[in-house]
Amino acid sequence: MRRALLLAVSVCVLALAIAGASAASKSKTRTVKVSDDYYAPVKFTVKAGTKIRWVWLDGNYDTHDVRLGKRPKGVKKFKSQLAASDFTFSRKLTVPGTYHIYCSIHRTMRETIVVKR
């Protein structure tokens, strides 16, 4: 009886550990909203290896893109296609430093992402 109870507790602890690991891996994605002339959030910090997912909200009236301007040394520029709504673009940021994002059509539409180790 005692052995069965110990086994049941061990199984529960293992299940909680697996659930925690799964939640931790999901937390490595950060979503950014792309809407009429803004990114939200405008500035944020993530750990290296985080996937950034830009999501164009339905009902946008303007076309936008995501372009990498000033960036850490060794990081290649990237850009999304132009889209108005119902579109998603993702990039994993692995190099620590500051990433400056902008829309090529609306130059005042900017975002800063700080990547830490």
PDB file of N, CA and C in Angstrom:
ATOM      1  N   MET A   1       0.823  -1.193   0.000  1.00  0.00           N
ATOM      2  CA  MET A   1       0.000   0.000   0.000  1.00  0.00           C
ATOM      3  C   MET A   1       0.871   1.262   0.000  1.00  0.00           C
ATOM      4  N   ARG A   2       1.890   1.240   0.814  1.00  0.00           N
ATOM      5  CA  ARG A   2       2.788   2.385   0.906  1.00  0.00           C
ATOM      6  C   ARG A   2       3.543   2.583  -0.415  1.00  0.00           C
ATOM      7  N   ARG A   3       3.928   1.475  -1.013  1.00  0.00           N
ATOM      8  CA  ARG A   3       4.624   1.525  -2.296  1.00  0.00           C
ATOM      9  C   ARG A   3       3.730   2.109  -3.392  1.00  0.00           C
ATOM     10  N   ALA A   4       2.482   1.750  -3.399  1.00  0.00           N
ATOM     11  CA  ALA A   4       1.527   2.254  -4.389  1.00  0.00           C
ATOM     12  C   ALA A   4       1.336   3.769  -4.212  1.00  0.00           C
ATOM     13  N   LEU A   5       1.260   4.214  -2.972  1.00  0.00           N
ATOM     14  CA  LEU A   5       1.105   5.642  -2.694  1.00  0.00           C
ATOM     15  C   LEU A   5       2.352   6.401  -3.161  1.00  0.00           C
ATOM     16  N   LEU A   6       3.546   5.859  -2.884  1.00  0.00           N
ATOM     17  CA  LEU A   6       4.787   6.482  -3.306  1.00  0.00           C
ATOM     18  C   LEU A   6       4.860   6.543  -4.835  1.00  0.00           C
ATOM     19  N   LEU A   7       4.434   5.481  -5.502  1.00  0.00           N
ATOM     20  CA  LEU A   7       4.428   5.452  -6.959  1.00  0.00           C
ATOM     21  C   LEU A   7       3.460   6.498  -7.516  1.00  0.00           C
ATOM     22  N   ALA A   8       2.288   6.610  -6.905  1.00  0.00           N
ATOM     23  CA  ALA A   8       1.297   7.593  -7.362  1.00  0.00           C
ATOM     24  C   ALA A   8       1.822   9.016  -7.198  1.00  0.00           C
ATOM     25  N   VAL A   9       2.468   9.285  -6.076  1.00  0.00           N
ATOM     26  CA  VAL A   9       3.038  10.615  -5.843  1.00  0.00           C
ATOM     27  C   VAL A   9       4.144  10.893  -6.859  1.00  0.00           C
ATOM     28  N   SER A  10       4.988   9.903  -7.127  1.00  0.00           N
ATOM     29  CA  SER A  10       6.073  10.067  -8.104  1.00  0.00           C
ATOM     30  C   SER A  10       5.523  10.369  -9.490  1.00  0.00           C
ATOM     31  N   VAL A  11       4.457   9.679  -9.878  1.00  0.00           N
ATOM     32  CA  VAL A  11       3.836   9.915 -11.182  1.00  0.00           C
ATOM     33  C   VAL A  11       3.284  11.337 -11.249  1.00  0.00           C
ATOM     34  N   CYS A  12       2.657  11.801 -10.177  1.00  0.00           N
ATOM     35  CA  CYS A  12       2.110  13.171 -10.145  1.00  0.00           C
ATOM     36  C   CYS A  12       3.225  14.206 -10.257  1.00  0.00           C
ATOM     37  N   VAL A  13       4.320  13.999  -9.540  1.00  0.00           N
ATOM     38  CA  VAL A  13       5.449  14.927  -9.602  1.00  0.00           C
ATOM     39  C   VAL A  13       6.031  14.961 -11.011  1.00  0.00           C
ATOM     40  N   LEU A  14       6.170  13.808 -11.633  1.00  0.00           N
ATOM     41  CA  LEU A  14       6.688  13.731 -12.990  1.00  0.00           C
ATOM     42  C   LEU A  14       5.751  14.452 -13.972  1.00  0.00           C
ATOM     43  N   ALA A  15       4.464  14.258 -13.815  1.00  0.00           N
ATOM     44  CA  ALA A  15       3.488  14.922 -14.687  1.00  0.00           C
ATOM     45  C   ALA A  15       3.567  16.438 -14.533  1.00  0.00           C
ATOM     46  N   LEU A  16       3.727  16.921 -13.304  1.00  0.00           N
ATOM     47  CA  LEU A  16       3.851  18.361 -13.078  1.00  0.00           C
ATOM     48  C   LEU A  16       5.146  18.894 -13.696  1.00  0.00           C
ATOM     49  N   ALA A  17       6.214  18.138 -13.603  1.00  0.00           N
ATOM     50  CA  ALA A  17       7.489  18.557 -14.189  1.00  0.00           C
ATOM     51  C   ALA A  17       7.380  18.651 -15.707  1.00  0.00           C
ATOM     52  N   ILE A  18       6.716  17.679 -16.324  1.00  0.00           N
ATOM     53  CA  ILE A  18       6.532  17.692 -17.776  1.00  0.00           C
ATOM     54  C   ILE A  18       5.658  18.868 -18.182  1.00  0.00           C
ATOM     55  N   ALA A  19       4.605  19.121 -17.440  1.00  0.00           N
ATOM     56  CA  ALA A  19       3.719  20.252 -17.741  1.00  0.00           C
ATOM     57  C   ALA A  19       4.472  21.562 -17.607  1.00  0.00           C
ATOM     58  N   GLY A  20       5.316  21.682 -16.601  1.00  0.00           N
ATOM     59  CA  GLY A  20       6.117  22.886 -16.412  1.00  0.00           C
ATOM     60  C   GLY A  20       7.098  23.088 -17.546  1.00  0.00           C
ATOM     61  N   ALA A  21       7.736  22.024 -18.005  1.00  0.00           N
ATOM     62  CA  ALA A  21       8.677  22.115 -19.123  1.00  0.00           C
ATOM     63  C   ALA A  21       7.954  22.529 -20.392  1.00  0.00           C
ATOM     64  N   SER A  22       6.763  22.000 -20.590  1.00  0.00           N
ATOM     65  CA  SER A  22       5.976  22.357 -21.762  1.00  0.00           C
ATOM     66  C   SER A  22       5.590  23.832 -21.718  1.00  0.00           C
ATOM     67  N   ALA A  23       5.173  24.310 -20.552  1.00  0.00           N
ATOM     68  CA  ALA A  23       4.803  25.721 -20.407  1.00  0.00           C
ATOM     69  C   ALA A  23       6.015  26.607 -20.631  1.00  0.00           C
ATOM     70  N   ALA A  24       7.186  26.169 -20.161  1.00  0.00           N
ATOM     71  CA  ALA A  24       8.399  26.957 -20.347  1.00  0.00           C
ATOM     72  C   ALA A  24       8.749  27.073 -21.820  1.00  0.00           C
ATOM     73  N   SER A  25       8.586  25.992 -22.588  1.00  0.00           N
ATOM     74  CA  SER A  25       8.916  26.065 -24.009  1.00  0.00           C
ATOM     75  C   SER A  25       7.922  26.951 -24.746  1.00  0.00           C
ATOM     76  N   LYS A  26       6.677  26.952 -24.334  1.00  0.00           N
ATOM     77  CA  LYS A  26       5.681  27.817 -24.961  1.00  0.00           C
ATOM     78  C   LYS A  26       5.957  29.281 -24.658  1.00  0.00           C
ATOM     79  N   SER A  27       6.535  29.560 -23.493  1.00  0.00           N
ATOM     80  CA  SER A  27       6.789  30.944 -23.121  1.00  0.00           C
ATOM     81  C   SER A  27       7.942  31.541 -23.915  1.00  0.00           C
ATOM     82  N   LYS A  28       8.607  30.757 -24.753  1.00  0.00           N
ATOM     83  CA  LYS A  28       9.698  31.268 -25.566  1.00  0.00           C
ATOM     84  C   LYS A  28       9.194  31.878 -26.868  1.00  0.00           C
ATOM     85  N   THR A  29       7.917  32.134 -26.965  1.00  0.00           N
ATOM     86  CA  THR A  29       7.359  32.849 -28.111  1.00  0.00           C
ATOM     87  C   THR A  29       6.696  34.113 -27.587  1.00  0.00           C
ATOM     88  N   ARG A  30       7.021  35.237 -28.215  1.00  0.00           N
ATOM     89  CA  ARG A  30       6.430  36.517 -27.824  1.00  0.00           C
ATOM     90  C   ARG A  30       5.644  37.041 -29.006  1.00  0.00           C
ATOM     91  N   THR A  31       4.394  37.402 -28.787  1.00  0.00           N
ATOM     92  CA  THR A  31       3.535  37.883 -29.861  1.00  0.00           C
ATOM     93  C   THR A  31       3.486  39.406 -29.877  1.00  0.00           C
ATOM     94  N   VAL A  32       3.606  39.970 -31.068  1.00  0.00           N
ATOM     95  CA  VAL A  32       3.508  41.407 -31.287  1.00  0.00           C
ATOM     96  C   VAL A  32       2.310  41.654 -32.198  1.00  0.00           C
ATOM     97  N   LYS A  33       1.461  42.578 -31.823  1.00  0.00           N
ATOM     98  CA  LYS A  33       0.314  42.939 -32.660  1.00  0.00           C
ATOM     99  C   LYS A  33       0.748  43.987 -33.680  1.00  0.00           C
ATOM    100  N   VAL A  34       0.318  43.789 -34.917  1.00  0.00           N
ATOM    101  CA  VAL A  34       0.553  44.759 -35.978  1.00  0.00           C
ATOM    102  C   VAL A  34      -0.811  45.300 -36.367  1.00  0.00           C
ATOM    103  N   SER A  35      -0.982  46.599 -36.198  1.00  0.00           N
ATOM    104  CA  SER A  35      -2.267  47.202 -36.518  1.00  0.00           C
ATOM    105  C   SER A  35      -2.029  48.526 -37.230  1.00  0.00           C
ATOM    106  N   ASP A  36      -3.075  49.332 -37.320  1.00  0.00           N
ATOM    107  CA  ASP A  36      -2.976  50.579 -38.070  1.00  0.00           C
ATOM    108  C   ASP A  36      -1.945  51.519 -37.465  1.00  0.00           C
ATOM    109  N   ASP A  37      -0.783  51.514 -38.086  1.00  0.00           N
ATOM    110  CA  ASP A  37       0.337  52.397 -37.774  1.00  0.00           C
ATOM    111  C   ASP A  37       0.971  52.188 -36.407  1.00  0.00           C
ATOM    112  N   TYR A  38       0.939  50.964 -35.891  1.00  0.00           N
ATOM    113  CA  TYR A  38       1.671  50.688 -34.658  1.00  0.00           C
ATOM    114  C   TYR A  38       1.956  49.198 -34.502  1.00  0.00           C
ATOM    115  N   TYR A  39       3.024  48.928 -33.742  1.00  0.00           N
ATOM    116  CA  TYR A  39       3.331  47.592 -33.234  1.00  0.00           C
ATOM    117  C   TYR A  39       3.023  47.649 -31.745  1.00  0.00           C
ATOM    118  N   ALA A  40       2.520  46.576 -31.197  1.00  0.00           N
ATOM    119  CA  ALA A  40       2.267  46.547 -29.751  1.00  0.00           C
ATOM    120  C   ALA A  40       2.759  45.219 -29.191  1.00  0.00           C
ATOM    121  N   PRO A  41       3.694  45.257 -28.251  1.00  0.00           N
ATOM    122  CA  PRO A  41       4.258  46.433 -27.591  1.00  0.00           C
ATOM    123  C   PRO A  41       5.308  47.121 -28.457  1.00  0.00           C
ATOM    124  N   VAL A  42       5.631  48.358 -28.090  1.00  0.00           N
ATOM    125  CA  VAL A  42       6.587  49.168 -28.825  1.00  0.00           C
ATOM    126  C   VAL A  42       8.018  48.833 -28.411  1.00  0.00           C
ATOM    127  N   LYS A  43       8.209  48.454 -27.146  1.00  0.00           N
ATOM    128  CA  LYS A  43       9.535  48.095 -26.655  1.00  0.00           C
ATOM    129  C   LYS A  43       9.388  46.987 -25.624  1.00  0.00           C
ATOM    130  N   PHE A  44      10.244  45.955 -25.719  1.00  0.00           N
ATOM    131  CA  PHE A  44      10.221  44.882 -24.741  1.00  0.00           C
ATOM    132  C   PHE A  44      11.548  44.141 -24.749  1.00  0.00           C
ATOM    133  N   THR A  45      11.752  43.328 -23.720  1.00  0.00           N
ATOM    134  CA  THR A  45      12.978  42.561 -23.550  1.00  0.00           C
ATOM    135  C   THR A  45      12.639  41.084 -23.491  1.00  0.00           C
ATOM    136  N   VAL A  46      13.459  40.256 -24.163  1.00  0.00           N
ATOM    137  CA  VAL A  46      13.282  38.804 -24.158  1.00  0.00           C
ATOM    138  C   VAL A  46      14.638  38.139 -23.960  1.00  0.00           C
ATOM    139  N   LYS A  47      14.608  36.853 -23.683  1.00  0.00           N
ATOM    140  CA  LYS A  47      15.833  36.072 -23.585  1.00  0.00           C
ATOM    141  C   LYS A  47      16.241  35.602 -24.978  1.00  0.00           C
ATOM    142  N   ALA A  48      17.549  35.422 -25.175  1.00  0.00           N
ATOM    143  CA  ALA A  48      18.053  34.899 -26.446  1.00  0.00           C
ATOM    144  C   ALA A  48      17.386  33.559 -26.746  1.00  0.00           C
ATOM    145  N   GLY A  49      17.022  33.358 -27.994  1.00  0.00           N
ATOM    146  CA  GLY A  49      16.344  32.133 -28.406  1.00  0.00           C
ATOM    147  C   GLY A  49      14.836  32.264 -28.454  1.00  0.00           C
ATOM    148  N   THR A  50      14.321  33.427 -28.078  1.00  0.00           N
ATOM    149  CA  THR A  50      12.872  33.648 -28.105  1.00  0.00           C
ATOM    150  C   THR A  50      12.408  33.883 -29.539  1.00  0.00           C
ATOM    151  N   LYS A  51      11.306  33.263 -29.884  1.00  0.00           N
ATOM    152  CA  LYS A  51      10.687  33.458 -31.203  1.00  0.00           C
ATOM    153  C   LYS A  51       9.721  34.632 -31.082  1.00  0.00           C
ATOM    154  N   ILE A  52       9.871  35.599 -31.971  1.00  0.00           N
ATOM    155  CA  ILE A  52       8.969  36.747 -32.011  1.00  0.00           C
ATOM    156  C   ILE A  52       7.990  36.501 -33.145  1.00  0.00           C
ATOM    157  N   ARG A  53       6.723  36.625 -32.836  1.00  0.00           N
ATOM    158  CA  ARG A  53       5.671  36.379 -33.824  1.00  0.00           C
ATOM    159  C   ARG A  53       4.848  37.651 -33.980  1.00  0.00           C
ATOM    160  N   TRP A  54       4.935  38.275 -35.150  1.00  0.00           N
ATOM    161  CA  TRP A  54       4.140  39.469 -35.445  1.00  0.00           C
ATOM    162  C   TRP A  54       2.836  39.008 -36.084  1.00  0.00           C
ATOM    163  N   VAL A  55       1.719  39.482 -35.558  1.00  0.00           N
ATOM    164  CA  VAL A  55       0.399  39.068 -36.034  1.00  0.00           C
ATOM    165  C   VAL A  55      -0.371  40.307 -36.486  1.00  0.00           C
ATOM    166  N   TRP A  56      -0.735  40.325 -37.761  1.00  0.00           N
ATOM    167  CA  TRP A  56      -1.540  41.421 -38.313  1.00  0.00           C
ATOM    168  C   TRP A  56      -2.981  41.195 -37.858  1.00  0.00           C
ATOM    169  N   LEU A  57      -3.541  42.189 -37.206  1.00  0.00           N
ATOM    170  CA  LEU A  57      -4.906  42.073 -36.720  1.00  0.00           C
ATOM    171  C   LEU A  57      -5.893  42.206 -37.866  1.00  0.00           C
ATOM    172  N   ASP A  58      -6.982  41.470 -37.783  1.00  0.00           N
ATOM    173  CA  ASP A  58      -8.030  41.584 -38.790  1.00  0.00           C
ATOM    174  C   ASP A  58      -8.615  42.990 -38.742  1.00  0.00           C
ATOM    175  N   GLY A  59      -8.959  43.516 -39.882  1.00  0.00           N
ATOM    176  CA  GLY A  59      -9.579  44.828 -39.941  1.00  0.00           C
ATOM    177  C   GLY A  59      -8.594  45.968 -40.134  1.00  0.00           C
ATOM    178  N   ASN A  60      -7.314  45.664 -40.342  1.00  0.00           N
ATOM    179  CA  ASN A  60      -6.351  46.733 -40.646  1.00  0.00           C
ATOM    180  C   ASN A  60      -6.769  47.407 -41.937  1.00  0.00           C
ATOM    181  N   TYR A  61      -6.561  48.704 -41.999  1.00  0.00           N
ATOM    182  CA  TYR A  61      -6.875  49.433 -43.222  1.00  0.00           C
ATOM    183  C   TYR A  61      -5.627  49.688 -44.043  1.00  0.00           C
ATOM    184  N   ASP A  62      -4.476  49.763 -43.385  1.00  0.00           N
ATOM    185  CA  ASP A  62      -3.217  50.032 -44.068  1.00  0.00           C
ATOM    186  C   ASP A  62      -2.399  48.756 -44.217  1.00  0.00           C
ATOM    187  N   THR A  63      -1.526  48.768 -45.200  1.00  0.00           N
ATOM    188  CA  THR A  63      -0.591  47.674 -45.402  1.00  0.00           C
ATOM    189  C   THR A  63       0.674  47.971 -44.602  1.00  0.00           C
ATOM    190  N   HIS A  64       1.224  46.943 -43.960  1.00  0.00           N
ATOM    191  CA  HIS A  64       2.429  47.082 -43.143  1.00  0.00           C
ATOM    192  C   HIS A  64       3.374  45.921 -43.411  1.00  0.00           C
ATOM    193  N   ASP A  65       4.611  46.105 -42.984  1.00  0.00           N
ATOM    194  CA  ASP A  65       5.570  45.010 -42.992  1.00  0.00           C
ATOM    195  C   ASP A  65       6.427  45.116 -41.735  1.00  0.00           C
ATOM    196  N   VAL A  66       7.292  44.158 -41.563  1.00  0.00           N
ATOM    197  CA  VAL A  66       8.241  44.135 -40.457  1.00  0.00           C
ATOM    198  C   VAL A  66       9.621  44.084 -41.087  1.00  0.00           C
ATOM    199  N   ARG A  67      10.459  45.069 -40.778  1.00  0.00           N
ATOM    200  CA  ARG A  67      11.823  45.103 -41.315  1.00  0.00           C
ATOM    201  C   ARG A  67      12.797  45.351 -40.185  1.00  0.00           C
ATOM    202  N   LEU A  68      13.913  44.674 -40.269  1.00  0.00           N
ATOM    203  CA  LEU A  68      14.964  44.854 -39.275  1.00  0.00           C
ATOM    204  C   LEU A  68      15.926  45.918 -39.767  1.00  0.00           C
ATOM    205  N   GLY A  69      16.061  46.978 -38.979  1.00  0.00           N
ATOM    206  CA  GLY A  69      17.010  48.049 -39.301  1.00  0.00           C
ATOM    207  C   GLY A  69      18.296  47.820 -38.523  1.00  0.00           C
ATOM    208  N   LYS A  70      18.612  48.758 -37.640  1.00  0.00           N
ATOM    209  CA  LYS A  70      19.820  48.636 -36.820  1.00  0.00           C
ATOM    210  C   LYS A  70      19.708  47.379 -35.967  1.00  0.00           C
ATOM    211  N   ARG A  71      20.832  46.652 -35.861  1.00  0.00           N
ATOM    212  CA  ARG A  71      20.784  45.340 -35.226  1.00  0.00           C
ATOM    213  C   ARG A  71      22.146  44.981 -34.647  1.00  0.00           C
ATOM    214  N   PRO A  72      22.209  43.932 -33.830  1.00  0.00           N
ATOM    215  CA  PRO A  72      23.501  43.492 -33.290  1.00  0.00           C
ATOM    216  C   PRO A  72      24.427  43.009 -34.405  1.00  0.00           C
ATOM    217  N   LYS A  73      25.721  43.151 -34.187  1.00  0.00           N
ATOM    218  CA  LYS A  73      26.721  42.719 -35.161  1.00  0.00           C
ATOM    219  C   LYS A  73      26.549  41.230 -35.457  1.00  0.00           C
ATOM    220  N   GLY A  74      26.621  40.888 -36.737  1.00  0.00           N
ATOM    221  CA  GLY A  74      26.518  39.499 -37.151  1.00  0.00           C
ATOM    222  C   GLY A  74      25.111  39.022 -37.453  1.00  0.00           C
ATOM    223  N   VAL A  75      24.111  39.845 -37.192  1.00  0.00           N
ATOM    224  CA  VAL A  75      22.722  39.462 -37.456  1.00  0.00           C
ATOM    225  C   VAL A  75      22.336  39.964 -38.841  1.00  0.00           C
ATOM    226  N   LYS A  76      21.828  39.071 -39.677  1.00  0.00           N
ATOM    227  CA  LYS A  76      21.394  39.451 -41.026  1.00  0.00           C
ATOM    228  C   LYS A  76      20.034  40.154 -40.959  1.00  0.00           C
ATOM    229  N   LYS A  77      19.856  41.105 -41.870  1.00  0.00           N
ATOM    230  CA  LYS A  77      18.563  41.791 -41.955  1.00  0.00           C
ATOM    231  C   LYS A  77      17.475  40.798 -42.353  1.00  0.00           C
ATOM    232  N   PHE A  78      16.265  41.083 -41.921  1.00  0.00           N
ATOM    233  CA  PHE A  78      15.123  40.294 -42.363  1.00  0.00           C
ATOM    234  C   PHE A  78      13.962  41.228 -42.623  1.00  0.00           C
ATOM    235  N   LYS A  79      13.007  40.739 -43.391  1.00  0.00           N
ATOM    236  CA  LYS A  79      11.799  41.522 -43.667  1.00  0.00           C
ATOM    237  C   LYS A  79      10.660  40.576 -43.990  1.00  0.00           C
ATOM    238  N   SER A  80       9.469  41.027 -43.654  1.00  0.00           N
ATOM    239  CA  SER A  80       8.267  40.272 -44.002  1.00  0.00           C
ATOM    240  C   SER A  80       7.738  40.816 -45.323  1.00  0.00           C
ATOM    241  N   GLN A  81       6.746  40.145 -45.835  1.00  0.00           N
ATOM    242  CA  GLN A  81       6.055  40.688 -47.005  1.00  0.00           C
ATOM    243  C   GLN A  81       5.096  41.772 -46.524  1.00  0.00           C
ATOM    244  N   LEU A  82       4.596  42.565 -47.436  1.00  0.00           N
ATOM    245  CA  LEU A  82       3.584  43.564 -47.101  1.00  0.00           C
ATOM    246  C   LEU A  82       2.249  42.850 -46.910  1.00  0.00           C
ATOM    247  N   ALA A  83       1.517  43.235 -45.882  1.00  0.00           N
ATOM    248  CA  ALA A  83       0.220  42.612 -45.614  1.00  0.00           C
ATOM    249  C   ALA A  83      -0.683  43.617 -44.913  1.00  0.00           C
ATOM    250  N   ALA A  84      -1.991  43.413 -45.038  1.00  0.00           N
ATOM    251  CA  ALA A  84      -2.952  44.304 -44.394  1.00  0.00           C
ATOM    252  C   ALA A  84      -3.634  43.640 -43.202  1.00  0.00           C
ATOM    253  N   SER A  85      -3.956  42.375 -43.290  1.00  0.00           N
ATOM    254  CA  SER A  85      -4.576  41.692 -42.160  1.00  0.00           C
ATOM    255  C   SER A  85      -4.468  40.181 -42.356  1.00  0.00           C
ATOM    256  N   ASP A  86      -4.760  39.473 -41.273  1.00  0.00           N
ATOM    257  CA  ASP A  86      -4.765  38.008 -41.302  1.00  0.00           C
ATOM    258  C   ASP A  86      -3.437  37.435 -41.828  1.00  0.00           C
ATOM    259  N   PHE A  87      -2.322  37.914 -41.243  1.00  0.00           N
ATOM    260  CA  PHE A  87      -1.000  37.469 -41.659  1.00  0.00           C
ATOM    261  C   PHE A  87      -0.118  37.333 -40.427  1.00  0.00           C
ATOM    262  N   THR A  88       0.835  36.413 -40.472  1.00  0.00           N
ATOM    263  CA  THR A  88       1.767  36.208 -39.370  1.00  0.00           C
ATOM    264  C   THR A  88       3.179  36.067 -39.924  1.00  0.00           C
ATOM    265  N   PHE A  89       4.131  36.656 -39.214  1.00  0.00           N
ATOM    266  CA  PHE A  89       5.545  36.581 -39.579  1.00  0.00           C
ATOM    267  C   PHE A  89       6.335  36.303 -38.307  1.00  0.00           C
ATOM    268  N   SER A  90       7.302  35.390 -38.361  1.00  0.00           N
ATOM    269  CA  SER A  90       8.062  35.018 -37.166  1.00  0.00           C
ATOM    270  C   SER A  90       9.560  34.997 -37.429  1.00  0.00           C
ATOM    271  N   ARG A  91      10.316  35.301 -36.373  1.00  0.00           N
ATOM    272  CA  ARG A  91      11.769  35.187 -36.393  1.00  0.00           C
ATOM    273  C   ARG A  91      12.231  34.827 -34.982  1.00  0.00           C
ATOM    274  N   LYS A  92      13.201  33.927 -34.909  1.00  0.00           N
ATOM    275  CA  LYS A  92      13.813  33.589 -33.627  1.00  0.00           C
ATOM    276  C   LYS A  92      15.029  34.490 -33.461  1.00  0.00           C
ATOM    277  N   LEU A  93      15.093  35.204 -32.335  1.00  0.00           N
ATOM    278  CA  LEU A  93      16.202  36.115 -32.068  1.00  0.00           C
ATOM    279  C   LEU A  93      17.166  35.429 -31.111  1.00  0.00           C
ATOM    280  N   THR A  94      18.346  35.092 -31.602  1.00  0.00           N
ATOM    281  CA  THR A  94      19.303  34.308 -30.823  1.00  0.00           C
ATOM    282  C   THR A  94      20.514  35.099 -30.359  1.00  0.00           C
ATOM    283  N   VAL A  95      20.792  36.235 -31.000  1.00  0.00           N
ATOM    284  CA  VAL A  95      21.968  37.030 -30.656  1.00  0.00           C
ATOM    285  C   VAL A  95      21.567  38.165 -29.714  1.00  0.00           C
ATOM    286  N   PRO A  96      22.200  38.241 -28.537  1.00  0.00           N
ATOM    287  CA  PRO A  96      21.884  39.342 -27.617  1.00  0.00           C
ATOM    288  C   PRO A  96      22.198  40.703 -28.239  1.00  0.00           C
ATOM    289  N   GLY A  97      21.395  41.693 -27.879  1.00  0.00           N
ATOM    290  CA  GLY A  97      21.580  43.054 -28.376  1.00  0.00           C
ATOM    291  C   GLY A  97      20.237  43.719 -28.602  1.00  0.00           C
ATOM    292  N   THR A  98      20.281  44.872 -29.256  1.00  0.00           N
ATOM    293  CA  THR A  98      19.071  45.655 -29.508  1.00  0.00           C
ATOM    294  C   THR A  98      18.702  45.570 -30.984  1.00  0.00           C
ATOM    295  N   TYR A  99      17.453  45.214 -31.236  1.00  0.00           N
ATOM    296  CA  TYR A  99      16.917  45.071 -32.587  1.00  0.00           C
ATOM    297  C   TYR A  99      15.919  46.207 -32.823  1.00  0.00           C
ATOM    298  N   HIS A 100      16.117  46.950 -33.898  1.00  0.00           N
ATOM    299  CA  HIS A 100      15.215  48.051 -34.244  1.00  0.00           C
ATOM    300  C   HIS A 100      14.359  47.615 -35.429  1.00  0.00           C
ATOM    301  N   ILE A 101      13.066  47.566 -35.202  1.00  0.00           N
ATOM    302  CA  ILE A 101      12.096  47.114 -36.205  1.00  0.00           C
ATOM    303  C   ILE A 101      11.335  48.333 -36.726  1.00  0.00           C
ATOM    304  N   TYR A 102      11.025  48.326 -38.022  1.00  0.00           N
ATOM    305  CA  TYR A 102      10.230  49.414 -38.585  1.00  0.00           C
ATOM    306  C   TYR A 102       9.378  48.908 -39.749  1.00  0.00           C
ATOM    307  N   CYS A 103       8.385  49.709 -40.103  1.00  0.00           N
ATOM    308  CA  CYS A 103       7.536  49.455 -41.263  1.00  0.00           C
ATOM    309  C   CYS A 103       8.071  50.300 -42.413  1.00  0.00           C
ATOM    310  N   SER A 104       8.289  49.700 -43.580  1.00  0.00           N
ATOM    311  CA  SER A 104       8.872  50.434 -44.708  1.00  0.00           C
ATOM    312  C   SER A 104       7.926  51.482 -45.287  1.00  0.00           C
ATOM    313  N   ILE A 105       6.648  51.327 -45.046  1.00  0.00           N
ATOM    314  CA  ILE A 105       5.670  52.282 -45.576  1.00  0.00           C
ATOM    315  C   ILE A 105       5.423  53.424 -44.585  1.00  0.00           C
ATOM    316  N   HIS A 106       5.392  53.102 -43.312  1.00  0.00           N
ATOM    317  CA  HIS A 106       5.122  54.088 -42.252  1.00  0.00           C
ATOM    318  C   HIS A 106       6.368  54.195 -41.380  1.00  0.00           C
ATOM    319  N   ARG A 107       7.283  55.059 -41.750  1.00  0.00           N
ATOM    320  CA  ARG A 107       8.586  55.139 -41.078  1.00  0.00           C
ATOM    321  C   ARG A 107       8.485  55.523 -39.598  1.00  0.00           C
ATOM    322  N   THR A 108       7.381  56.095 -39.164  1.00  0.00           N
ATOM    323  CA  THR A 108       7.229  56.403 -37.733  1.00  0.00           C
ATOM    324  C   THR A 108       6.757  55.184 -36.944  1.00  0.00           C
ATOM    325  N   MET A 109       6.412  54.129 -37.643  1.00  0.00           N
ATOM    326  CA  MET A 109       5.971  52.884 -37.014  1.00  0.00           C
ATOM    327  C   MET A 109       7.219  52.084 -36.669  1.00  0.00           C
ATOM    328  N   ARG A 110       7.583  52.106 -35.373  1.00  0.00           N
ATOM    329  CA  ARG A 110       8.847  51.513 -34.929  1.00  0.00           C
ATOM    330  C   ARG A 110       8.648  50.655 -33.687  1.00  0.00           C
ATOM    331  N   GLU A 111       9.624  49.765 -33.490  1.00  0.00           N
ATOM    332  CA  GLU A 111       9.604  48.884 -32.334  1.00  0.00           C
ATOM    333  C   GLU A 111      11.054  48.575 -31.965  1.00  0.00           C
ATOM    334  N   THR A 112      11.327  48.421 -30.660  1.00  0.00           N
ATOM    335  CA  THR A 112      12.654  48.055 -30.187  1.00  0.00           C
ATOM    336  C   THR A 112      12.543  46.787 -29.360  1.00  0.00           C
ATOM    337  N   ILE A 113      13.377  45.809 -29.701  1.00  0.00           N
ATOM    338  CA  ILE A 113      13.415  44.550 -28.957  1.00  0.00           C
ATOM    339  C   ILE A 113      14.836  44.383 -28.418  1.00  0.00           C
ATOM    340  N   VAL A 114      14.932  44.230 -27.102  1.00  0.00           N
ATOM    341  CA  VAL A 114      16.220  43.984 -26.457  1.00  0.00           C
ATOM    342  C   VAL A 114      16.299  42.497 -26.141  1.00  0.00           C
ATOM    343  N   VAL A 115      17.367  41.858 -26.631  1.00  0.00           N
ATOM    344  CA  VAL A 115      17.568  40.430 -26.393  1.00  0.00           C
ATOM    345  C   VAL A 115      18.718  40.264 -25.403  1.00  0.00           C
ATOM    346  N   LYS A 116      18.432  39.578 -24.297  1.00  0.00           N
ATOM    347  CA  LYS A 116      19.431  39.330 -23.243  1.00  0.00           C
ATOM    348  C   LYS A 116      19.799  37.858 -23.249  1.00  0.00           C
ATOM    349  N   ARG A 117      20.961  37.549 -22.704  1.00  0.00           N
ATOM    350  CA  ARG A 117      21.401  36.147 -22.577  1.00  0.00           C
ATOM    351  C   ARG A 117      20.503  35.380 -21.672  1.00  0.00           C
TER     352      ARG A 117
END
